[in-house]
């Protein structure tokens, strides 16, 4: 089921013959998830929904002739946990070992601003401080500053782009002061040298976190960046 205005994501619904239904939000579009489900559903139909680990193992190791699609599989996994809570009449956090905290901090997204324009940043800072939700952390996208499309893997950034990154996040920090946390939000655009230099460029802004700078597959690049 397509979700409106949330990154093109969709909801996956799993129905049981007992009349219960579980939901999980997929980090993929409806057509993409549906295509993968066509292959995966043979592993699930008629099976016990409480065998969650078995199902996850089967779905993630069933890769010939394509890679397991984690954005779809993980949301099927979420839907199964939703079902598990309904079947056992327990909160999912209880099934996972019990609640650890009474609350967790949350962040919102920095939208509607030009990070390279100080006046735009000041206007954004004023708006977010008046938001009724009271968010104290925001994740700001790096791709508009870089001038590269979101979610497209780029080669090496040049000095001009890196200076823009430093200036853009510095403008945001100057506008909001120290009371608001800011995260640098990437979409896997950067190669290893560029990811390292971008991290250094935003360091003075004291980022809350540095998200998804490198190409998605696990590699030694992630280890190098962490070092």
Protein backbone atom coordinates (compact mmCIF):
# COMPACT_ATOMS: atom_id res chain seq x y z
CA UNK A 1 0.00 0.00 0.00
CA UNK A 2 1.66 3.22 -1.18
CA UNK A 3 2.30 5.88 1.46
CA UNK A 4 1.78 9.47 0.41
CA UNK A 5 4.72 11.88 0.74
CA UNK A 6 7.12 9.64 2.68
CA UNK A 7 10.07 8.94 0.37
CA UNK A 8 7.94 6.80 -1.94
CA UNK A 9 7.67 4.11 0.73
CA UNK A 10 4.83 1.63 1.12
CA UNK A 11 3.19 -0.51 3.78
CA UNK A 12 3.39 -4.30 3.56
CA UNK A 13 0.41 -6.18 4.96
CA UNK A 14 0.49 -9.83 6.00
CA UNK A 15 -2.85 -11.58 6.60
CA UNK A 16 -3.27 -14.81 8.53
CA UNK A 17 -5.96 -17.46 8.30
CA UNK A 18 -6.81 -16.59 11.93
CA UNK A 19 -8.00 -13.17 10.77
CA UNK A 20 -5.11 -11.19 12.20
CA UNK A 21 -3.10 -8.71 10.14
CA UNK A 22 0.44 -7.36 10.55
CA UNK A 23 1.92 -4.21 9.00
CA UNK A 24 5.46 -3.08 8.25
CA UNK A 25 6.66 0.06 6.48
CA UNK A 26 8.95 -0.77 3.56
CA UNK A 27 11.81 1.47 2.51
CA UNK A 28 10.86 0.94 -1.12
CA UNK A 29 8.05 1.80 -3.50
CA UNK A 30 4.94 -0.32 -3.86
CA UNK A 31 5.87 -1.71 -7.30
CA UNK A 32 9.40 -2.56 -6.14
CA UNK A 33 8.22 -4.31 -2.97
CA UNK A 34 5.46 -6.10 -4.87
CA UNK A 35 7.92 -7.50 -7.39
CA UNK A 36 10.12 -8.91 -4.62
CA UNK A 37 7.15 -10.25 -2.67
CA UNK A 38 6.15 -12.30 -5.70
CA UNK A 39 9.36 -14.27 -5.19
CA UNK A 40 9.31 -14.29 -1.39
CA UNK A 41 5.70 -15.20 -0.74
CA UNK A 42 6.30 -18.86 -1.62
CA UNK A 43 8.54 -18.98 1.47
CA UNK A 44 5.78 -17.61 3.71
CA UNK A 45 2.34 -18.78 2.61
CA UNK A 46 1.01 -21.52 4.89
CA UNK A 47 3.86 -21.13 7.41
CA UNK A 48 3.76 -20.32 11.13
CA UNK A 49 4.02 -16.50 11.45
CA UNK A 50 5.80 -16.87 14.81
CA UNK A 51 8.86 -18.50 13.20
CA UNK A 52 10.22 -15.03 12.54
CA UNK A 53 13.92 -15.89 12.62
CA UNK A 54 13.41 -18.84 10.28
CA UNK A 55 11.55 -16.66 7.81
CA UNK A 56 14.20 -13.92 7.97
CA UNK A 57 16.95 -16.48 7.38
CA UNK A 58 15.12 -18.03 4.43
CA UNK A 59 14.37 -14.68 2.81
CA UNK A 60 17.88 -13.26 3.20
CA UNK A 61 19.71 -16.40 2.03
CA UNK A 62 17.41 -17.02 -0.94
CA UNK A 63 19.55 -14.89 -3.28
CA UNK A 64 20.04 -16.75 -6.54
CA UNK A 65 19.92 -15.07 -9.00
CA UNK A 66 19.60 -11.69 -7.28
CA UNK A 67 20.62 -10.00 -4.05
CA UNK A 68 18.17 -10.19 -1.15
CA UNK A 69 16.15 -6.96 -1.08
CA UNK A 70 16.54 -5.86 2.53
CA UNK A 71 14.16 -2.84 2.36
CA UNK A 72 11.35 -5.30 1.57
CA UNK A 73 12.50 -8.23 3.71
CA UNK A 74 13.07 -6.16 6.85
CA UNK A 75 9.55 -4.75 6.59
CA UNK A 76 8.09 -8.23 6.20
CA UNK A 77 10.04 -8.95 9.37
CA UNK A 78 8.41 -5.95 11.06
CA UNK A 79 4.97 -7.10 9.94
CA UNK A 80 5.65 -10.53 11.44
CA UNK A 81 6.60 -8.92 14.76
CA UNK A 82 3.38 -6.89 14.58
CA UNK A 83 1.53 -10.17 14.13
CA UNK A 84 3.45 -11.78 16.98
CA UNK A 85 2.28 -9.07 19.34
CA UNK A 86 -1.33 -9.54 18.25
CA UNK A 87 -1.15 -13.35 18.42
CA UNK A 88 0.37 -13.40 21.91
CA UNK A 89 -1.48 -10.25 23.08
CA UNK A 90 1.87 -8.79 24.17
CA UNK A 91 3.68 -5.58 23.34
CA UNK A 92 6.44 -6.23 20.84
CA UNK A 93 8.97 -4.63 23.20
CA UNK A 94 7.99 -7.25 25.79
CA UNK A 95 8.55 -10.06 23.27
CA UNK A 96 11.98 -8.58 22.49
CA UNK A 97 13.03 -8.66 26.14
CA UNK A 98 11.12 -5.83 27.75
CA UNK A 99 11.18 -2.03 27.56
CA UNK A 100 14.54 -0.43 28.34
CA UNK A 101 13.52 3.25 28.40
CA UNK A 102 10.38 5.25 29.07
CA UNK A 103 11.09 7.54 26.12
CA UNK A 104 13.60 8.12 23.33
CA UNK A 105 14.71 11.35 21.64
CA UNK A 106 13.50 11.95 18.11
CA UNK A 107 14.64 14.17 15.25
CA UNK A 108 12.90 15.88 12.37
CA UNK A 109 14.14 16.86 8.90
CA UNK A 110 15.58 20.22 7.97
CA UNK A 111 13.44 21.26 5.01
CA UNK A 112 12.50 24.54 3.39
CA UNK A 113 15.91 26.18 3.65
CA UNK A 114 18.91 27.05 1.51
CA UNK A 115 21.87 26.15 3.73
CA UNK A 116 24.18 28.40 1.72
CA UNK A 117 21.96 31.44 2.39
CA UNK A 118 22.32 32.79 5.92
CA UNK A 119 18.96 34.59 5.84
CA UNK A 120 17.24 31.37 4.75
CA UNK A 121 18.91 29.53 7.64
CA UNK A 122 17.78 32.19 10.11
CA UNK A 123 14.22 31.92 8.85
CA UNK A 124 14.37 28.14 9.18
CA UNK A 125 15.74 28.43 12.71
CA UNK A 126 12.88 30.69 13.69
CA UNK A 127 10.30 28.29 12.22
CA UNK A 128 11.63 25.14 13.89
CA UNK A 129 11.81 26.80 17.31
CA UNK A 130 8.09 27.58 16.99
CA UNK A 131 7.08 24.05 15.97
CA UNK A 132 4.58 22.60 18.47
CA UNK A 133 6.34 19.21 18.46
CA UNK A 134 9.36 20.74 20.17
CA UNK A 135 12.04 18.90 18.17
CA UNK A 136 15.57 19.67 19.33
CA UNK A 137 17.38 17.75 16.57
CA UNK A 138 17.20 18.01 12.77
CA UNK A 139 18.72 16.02 9.92
CA UNK A 140 19.77 18.28 7.03
CA UNK A 141 20.40 16.93 3.54
CA UNK A 142 23.84 17.38 2.03
CA UNK A 143 22.95 16.76 -1.64
CA UNK A 144 21.45 20.22 -2.39
CA UNK A 145 24.64 21.81 -1.06
CA UNK A 146 26.83 19.52 -3.15
CA UNK A 147 24.80 20.04 -6.29
CA UNK A 148 24.37 16.31 -6.89
CA UNK A 149 21.05 14.44 -7.08
CA UNK A 150 19.91 12.60 -3.96
CA UNK A 151 20.71 8.86 -3.90
CA UNK A 152 23.11 9.00 -6.86
CA UNK A 153 26.62 7.72 -6.22
CA UNK A 154 29.14 10.39 -7.14
CA UNK A 155 32.88 10.27 -7.71
CA UNK A 156 35.25 12.60 -5.86
CA UNK A 157 34.12 16.03 -4.70
CA UNK A 158 36.15 19.06 -5.60
CA UNK A 159 37.35 21.80 -3.30
CA UNK A 160 34.47 24.13 -4.18
CA UNK A 161 31.89 21.53 -3.14
CA UNK A 162 33.70 20.81 0.12
CA UNK A 163 33.86 24.50 0.97
CA UNK A 164 30.13 24.76 0.33
CA UNK A 165 29.51 21.85 2.73
CA UNK A 166 31.52 23.55 5.47
CA UNK A 167 29.77 26.88 4.86
CA UNK A 168 26.27 25.39 4.66
CA UNK A 169 26.41 23.47 7.93
CA UNK A 170 28.22 26.35 9.64
CA UNK A 171 25.36 28.64 8.58
CA UNK A 172 22.85 26.22 10.11
CA UNK A 173 24.79 26.04 13.38
CA UNK A 174 25.10 29.82 13.54
CA UNK A 175 21.36 30.21 12.95
CA UNK A 176 20.11 27.75 15.58
CA UNK A 177 22.84 28.18 18.20
CA UNK A 178 23.91 25.37 20.48
CA UNK A 179 20.42 24.35 21.65
CA UNK A 180 19.57 22.43 18.45
CA UNK A 181 21.40 19.29 17.26
CA UNK A 182 22.08 18.99 13.53
CA UNK A 183 22.94 15.80 11.65
CA UNK A 184 24.60 15.62 8.24
CA UNK A 185 22.28 13.52 6.07
CA UNK A 186 23.80 11.87 3.00
CA UNK A 187 22.25 9.41 0.55
CA UNK A 188 25.29 7.22 -0.19
CA UNK A 189 26.64 9.80 -2.65
CA UNK A 190 30.30 9.90 -1.63
CA UNK A 191 33.46 7.93 -2.29
CA UNK A 192 35.89 7.24 0.57
CA UNK A 193 38.20 10.28 0.26
CA UNK A 194 35.22 12.60 -0.14
CA UNK A 195 33.35 11.07 2.81
CA UNK A 196 36.42 11.64 4.99
CA UNK A 197 36.84 15.26 3.92
CA UNK A 198 33.11 15.97 4.31
CA UNK A 199 33.29 14.57 7.86
CA UNK A 200 36.15 16.98 8.56
CA UNK A 201 34.23 19.82 6.91
CA UNK A 202 31.21 19.42 9.23
CA UNK A 203 33.24 18.60 12.34
CA UNK A 204 33.31 22.19 13.59
CA UNK A 205 29.49 22.22 13.51
CA UNK A 206 29.53 19.28 15.98
CA UNK A 207 27.12 17.02 14.05
CA UNK A 208 24.77 14.72 15.93
CA UNK A 209 25.63 11.99 13.39
CA UNK A 210 26.89 11.52 9.83
CA UNK A 211 24.43 9.37 7.89
CA UNK A 212 25.00 7.11 4.85
CA UNK A 213 27.98 8.87 3.24
CA UNK A 214 29.33 5.83 1.34
CA UNK A 215 28.00 3.44 -1.26
CA UNK A 216 25.62 0.98 0.39
CA UNK A 217 27.37 -2.45 0.32
CA UNK A 218 29.50 -3.28 3.36
CA UNK A 219 33.15 -2.72 2.53
CA UNK A 220 36.49 -1.70 4.00
CA UNK A 221 35.59 1.87 3.03
CA UNK A 222 33.27 2.07 6.06
CA UNK A 223 36.11 0.94 8.34
CA UNK A 224 38.46 3.50 6.80
CA UNK A 225 35.89 6.27 7.28
CA UNK A 226 35.29 5.34 10.93
CA UNK A 227 39.03 5.48 11.59
